[in-house]
N, C-alpha and C. Protein backbone atom coordinates (compact mmCIF):
# COMPACT_ATOMS: atom_id res chain seq x y z
N MET A 1 79.99 -97.79 -43.85
CA MET A 1 80.30 -96.65 -43.47
C MET A 1 81.55 -96.34 -42.51
N SER A 2 83.16 -96.46 -42.86
CA SER A 2 83.75 -96.11 -40.74
C SER A 2 83.76 -94.77 -41.06
N THR A 3 83.48 -95.18 -39.35
CA THR A 3 84.02 -93.81 -39.24
C THR A 3 84.85 -93.62 -38.50
N GLY A 4 85.71 -94.70 -37.78
CA GLY A 4 87.53 -95.13 -37.32
C GLY A 4 88.30 -93.96 -37.93
N PRO A 5 89.63 -93.61 -37.26
CA PRO A 5 89.78 -92.55 -37.60
C PRO A 5 91.17 -92.91 -39.19
N LEU A 6 91.05 -91.84 -40.38
CA LEU A 6 91.48 -92.08 -40.97
C LEU A 6 93.12 -92.69 -41.27
N ARG A 7 93.35 -93.79 -41.98
CA ARG A 7 94.61 -94.14 -42.32
C ARG A 7 94.96 -93.71 -43.27
N THR A 8 96.40 -93.51 -43.46
CA THR A 8 97.49 -92.61 -43.67
C THR A 8 97.94 -94.50 -44.88
N VAL A 9 97.27 -94.01 -46.42
CA VAL A 9 98.04 -94.97 -47.08
C VAL A 9 99.31 -94.65 -47.86
N ASN A 10 100.96 -95.42 -48.20
CA ASN A 10 101.96 -94.97 -48.67
C ASN A 10 101.78 -94.76 -49.72
N SER A 11 101.41 -94.51 -50.97
CA SER A 11 101.11 -94.67 -51.77
C SER A 11 102.11 -94.51 -53.02
N ARG A 12 102.64 -94.97 -53.92
CA ARG A 12 103.68 -94.15 -54.80
C ARG A 12 103.16 -93.63 -56.18
N VAL A 13 103.40 -92.17 -56.34
CA VAL A 13 102.29 -91.84 -58.05
C VAL A 13 103.58 -91.50 -58.28
N GLY A 14 102.63 -92.00 -59.79
CA GLY A 14 103.96 -91.65 -61.14
C GLY A 14 103.46 -90.79 -61.79
N LEU A 15 104.05 -89.22 -61.69
CA LEU A 15 103.04 -88.13 -62.58
C LEU A 15 104.10 -88.01 -64.09
N LEU A 16 103.31 -87.72 -64.92
CA LEU A 16 104.01 -87.65 -66.45
C LEU A 16 103.44 -86.05 -66.71
N MET A 17 104.97 -85.35 -67.42
CA MET A 17 104.77 -84.17 -67.99
C MET A 17 105.93 -83.97 -69.38
N ALA A 18 105.17 -83.10 -69.54
CA ALA A 18 105.11 -83.26 -71.27
C ALA A 18 105.82 -81.49 -71.64
N SER A 19 106.87 -80.90 -71.73
CA SER A 19 107.81 -79.57 -72.48
C SER A 19 107.48 -79.66 -73.62
N TRP A 20 107.18 -78.95 -73.93
CA TRP A 20 107.99 -77.94 -75.50
C TRP A 20 107.81 -76.75 -75.33
N ASN A 21 109.08 -76.04 -75.13
CA ASN A 21 109.57 -74.37 -75.66
C ASN A 21 108.15 -73.63 -74.65
N GLN A 22 108.56 -74.54 -72.85
CA GLN A 22 107.91 -73.48 -71.64
C GLN A 22 108.65 -73.69 -70.87
N ALA A 23 109.89 -73.70 -70.83
CA ALA A 23 111.14 -72.85 -69.67
C ALA A 23 110.71 -72.21 -68.93
N ASP A 24 109.64 -71.24 -69.56
CA ASP A 24 109.30 -70.09 -68.13
C ASP A 24 108.13 -70.69 -67.47
N SER A 25 107.69 -71.33 -67.25
CA SER A 25 106.87 -72.43 -66.38
C SER A 25 107.29 -73.80 -65.99
N LEU A 26 108.21 -74.08 -66.73
CA LEU A 26 108.68 -75.63 -66.74
C LEU A 26 109.14 -75.24 -64.90
N SER A 27 109.86 -74.54 -63.99
CA SER A 27 110.52 -74.17 -63.36
C SER A 27 109.54 -74.56 -62.21
N LYS A 28 108.32 -73.10 -62.17
CA LYS A 28 107.22 -73.53 -61.31
C LYS A 28 106.39 -74.98 -61.41
N SER A 29 106.25 -75.45 -62.72
CA SER A 29 105.58 -76.31 -62.35
C SER A 29 106.03 -77.12 -61.48
N LEU A 30 107.41 -77.54 -62.01
CA LEU A 30 108.28 -78.79 -60.97
C LEU A 30 108.31 -77.92 -59.83
N GLY A 31 108.79 -76.79 -59.40
CA GLY A 31 108.50 -76.63 -58.16
C GLY A 31 107.08 -76.84 -57.08
N SER A 32 105.89 -76.42 -57.65
CA SER A 32 104.53 -76.82 -57.49
C SER A 32 105.15 -78.44 -57.32
N LEU A 33 105.10 -78.90 -58.00
CA LEU A 33 105.64 -80.16 -57.71
C LEU A 33 106.22 -80.97 -56.13
N LEU A 34 106.84 -80.34 -56.23
CA LEU A 34 107.77 -81.05 -55.60
C LEU A 34 108.22 -80.55 -54.51
N SER A 35 107.03 -79.42 -53.63
CA SER A 35 106.57 -79.33 -52.60
C SER A 35 105.35 -80.00 -52.53
N GLN A 36 105.17 -80.76 -52.60
CA GLN A 36 103.57 -81.06 -52.21
C GLN A 36 104.12 -81.89 -50.91
N THR A 37 102.97 -81.98 -50.11
CA THR A 37 103.14 -83.19 -48.88
C THR A 37 103.27 -84.74 -49.14
N HIS A 38 102.73 -84.96 -50.02
CA HIS A 38 103.01 -86.42 -50.36
C HIS A 38 104.03 -86.00 -51.25
N ASP A 39 104.97 -87.08 -50.84
CA ASP A 39 106.46 -87.53 -51.59
C ASP A 39 106.78 -88.87 -52.21
N LEU A 40 105.74 -89.28 -52.13
CA LEU A 40 106.27 -90.30 -52.17
C LEU A 40 105.57 -90.46 -53.89
N PHE A 41 106.10 -90.02 -54.47
CA PHE A 41 106.70 -89.93 -56.35
C PHE A 41 107.69 -89.98 -57.12
N THR A 42 107.23 -89.52 -58.19
CA THR A 42 108.52 -90.11 -59.07
C THR A 42 107.56 -88.77 -60.54
N ILE A 43 108.43 -88.30 -60.61
CA ILE A 43 108.24 -86.97 -62.27
C ILE A 43 108.72 -87.26 -63.20
N THR A 44 107.86 -88.31 -64.36
CA THR A 44 108.69 -88.34 -65.60
C THR A 44 108.33 -87.04 -67.05
N LEU A 45 109.63 -86.29 -66.46
CA LEU A 45 109.70 -85.10 -67.60
C LEU A 45 110.11 -85.36 -69.22
N VAL A 46 109.22 -85.31 -70.47
CA VAL A 46 109.51 -85.07 -71.74
C VAL A 46 109.09 -83.99 -72.10
N VAL A 47 110.65 -83.68 -72.46
CA VAL A 47 111.71 -82.49 -72.52
C VAL A 47 111.42 -82.98 -74.66
N ASP A 48 110.10 -82.25 -75.04
CA ASP A 48 110.47 -83.07 -76.47
C ASP A 48 111.00 -81.52 -78.03
N SER A 49 111.77 -82.07 -77.88
CA SER A 49 112.79 -81.46 -78.92
C SER A 49 113.20 -79.30 -78.27
N GLN A 50 114.28 -80.44 -76.92
CA GLN A 50 114.86 -78.81 -76.20
C GLN A 50 115.49 -78.14 -76.77
N ASP A 51 115.06 -76.07 -76.68
CA ASP A 51 115.51 -75.37 -76.56
C ASP A 51 116.47 -75.09 -75.57
N GLN A 52 117.47 -74.03 -75.56
CA GLN A 52 118.21 -73.77 -74.66
C GLN A 52 117.94 -73.11 -73.64
N ALA A 53 116.58 -72.36 -73.02
CA ALA A 53 116.19 -71.88 -71.83
C ALA A 53 115.69 -73.19 -71.20
N THR A 54 115.20 -74.28 -72.14
CA THR A 54 114.64 -75.19 -71.15
C THR A 54 116.24 -76.13 -70.85
N ALA A 55 116.94 -76.42 -71.41
CA ALA A 55 118.18 -76.59 -70.64
C ALA A 55 118.93 -75.98 -69.83
N GLU A 56 118.62 -74.59 -70.16
CA GLU A 56 118.82 -74.21 -68.66
C GLU A 56 118.51 -74.36 -67.13
N VAL A 57 117.06 -74.24 -67.49
CA VAL A 57 116.18 -74.54 -66.04
C VAL A 57 116.65 -76.02 -65.76
N LEU A 58 116.56 -76.88 -66.20
CA LEU A 58 116.23 -78.56 -66.36
C LEU A 58 117.93 -78.69 -65.36
N LYS A 59 119.07 -77.84 -66.35
CA LYS A 59 120.65 -77.97 -65.39
C LYS A 59 120.57 -77.95 -63.58
N TYR A 60 119.77 -76.97 -63.60
CA TYR A 60 119.11 -76.95 -61.83
C TYR A 60 118.76 -77.87 -60.95
N GLN A 61 117.39 -79.02 -61.78
CA GLN A 61 116.84 -79.48 -61.24
C GLN A 61 117.46 -81.37 -61.00
N LYS A 62 117.75 -80.95 -59.71
CA LYS A 62 118.45 -82.39 -58.86
C LYS A 62 117.97 -83.67 -58.85
N ASP A 63 116.80 -82.91 -58.01
CA ASP A 63 116.36 -83.78 -57.64
C ASP A 63 115.95 -85.36 -57.71
N PRO A 64 115.83 -85.97 -57.11
CA PRO A 64 116.20 -87.90 -57.44
C PRO A 64 114.82 -88.24 -58.06
N ARG A 65 113.60 -87.42 -57.54
CA ARG A 65 112.34 -88.24 -58.23
C ARG A 65 111.82 -87.41 -59.66
N ILE A 66 112.69 -86.82 -60.26
CA ILE A 66 112.87 -86.41 -61.71
C ILE A 66 113.03 -87.30 -62.52
N LYS A 67 112.67 -87.89 -62.66
CA LYS A 67 113.42 -88.48 -65.01
C LYS A 67 113.20 -87.73 -65.78
N ILE A 68 114.01 -87.63 -66.58
CA ILE A 68 113.99 -86.96 -67.96
C ILE A 68 114.70 -87.25 -69.11
N VAL A 69 113.04 -87.19 -70.04
CA VAL A 69 113.49 -88.13 -71.33
C VAL A 69 113.64 -87.05 -72.14
N GLU A 70 114.62 -87.11 -73.25
CA GLU A 70 114.85 -86.30 -74.43
C GLU A 70 113.94 -86.94 -75.46
N THR A 71 113.91 -85.80 -76.53
CA THR A 71 113.73 -86.40 -77.95
C THR A 71 114.04 -84.99 -78.48
N GLN A 72 114.65 -85.75 -79.86
CA GLN A 72 115.55 -84.67 -80.18
C GLN A 72 114.65 -83.89 -81.46
N GLN A 73 113.55 -84.70 -82.26
CA GLN A 73 112.62 -84.44 -82.90
C GLN A 73 111.48 -84.35 -82.15
N PRO A 74 110.05 -83.13 -82.40
CA PRO A 74 108.97 -83.06 -81.41
C PRO A 74 108.21 -83.99 -81.86
N GLN A 75 107.84 -84.53 -81.32
CA GLN A 75 107.01 -85.64 -80.79
C GLN A 75 105.57 -84.88 -80.90
N HIS A 76 105.48 -83.96 -80.62
CA HIS A 76 104.01 -83.12 -79.94
C HIS A 76 103.67 -84.32 -78.44
N PHE A 77 102.79 -83.39 -78.20
CA PHE A 77 101.81 -83.58 -76.72
C PHE A 77 101.98 -84.77 -76.65
N ILE A 78 100.64 -86.19 -76.92
CA ILE A 78 100.42 -87.84 -76.86
C ILE A 78 101.26 -88.34 -77.41
N ALA A 79 101.60 -88.19 -78.11
CA ALA A 79 103.48 -89.26 -78.25
C ALA A 79 104.53 -88.67 -77.78
N ALA A 80 104.29 -87.95 -76.66
CA ALA A 80 105.56 -87.59 -75.88
C ALA A 80 104.86 -87.67 -74.92
N LEU A 81 103.81 -88.01 -73.79
CA LEU A 81 103.49 -88.30 -72.89
C LEU A 81 103.12 -89.92 -72.74
N ASN A 82 103.27 -90.83 -74.59
CA ASN A 82 103.19 -92.05 -74.35
C ASN A 82 105.61 -92.79 -74.55
N LEU A 83 105.90 -91.92 -74.61
CA LEU A 83 107.37 -91.62 -74.51
C LEU A 83 107.86 -92.07 -73.25
N ALA A 84 107.04 -91.53 -72.54
CA ALA A 84 107.40 -91.29 -71.22
C ALA A 84 106.69 -92.95 -70.04
N MET A 85 105.71 -93.31 -70.25
CA MET A 85 105.31 -94.85 -70.30
C MET A 85 105.81 -96.10 -70.48
């Protein structure tokens, strides 16, 4: 086991997130992820059958690390996450 100084690894991280009628917590969740000290990441957000409140939250999300995938019909959680991959 090494006792030397810790090395910082600049690893890119991919995060998958699904949302279905969760506008109230979506803004908080994205804000929390975007405020992390590790900034080499992308968020793929699957918006499962967008409602008006979710659309309102997303119109203010301009961070280039967020990629939004929208479904027209509800896919449910696992199927929605599979779309992101």
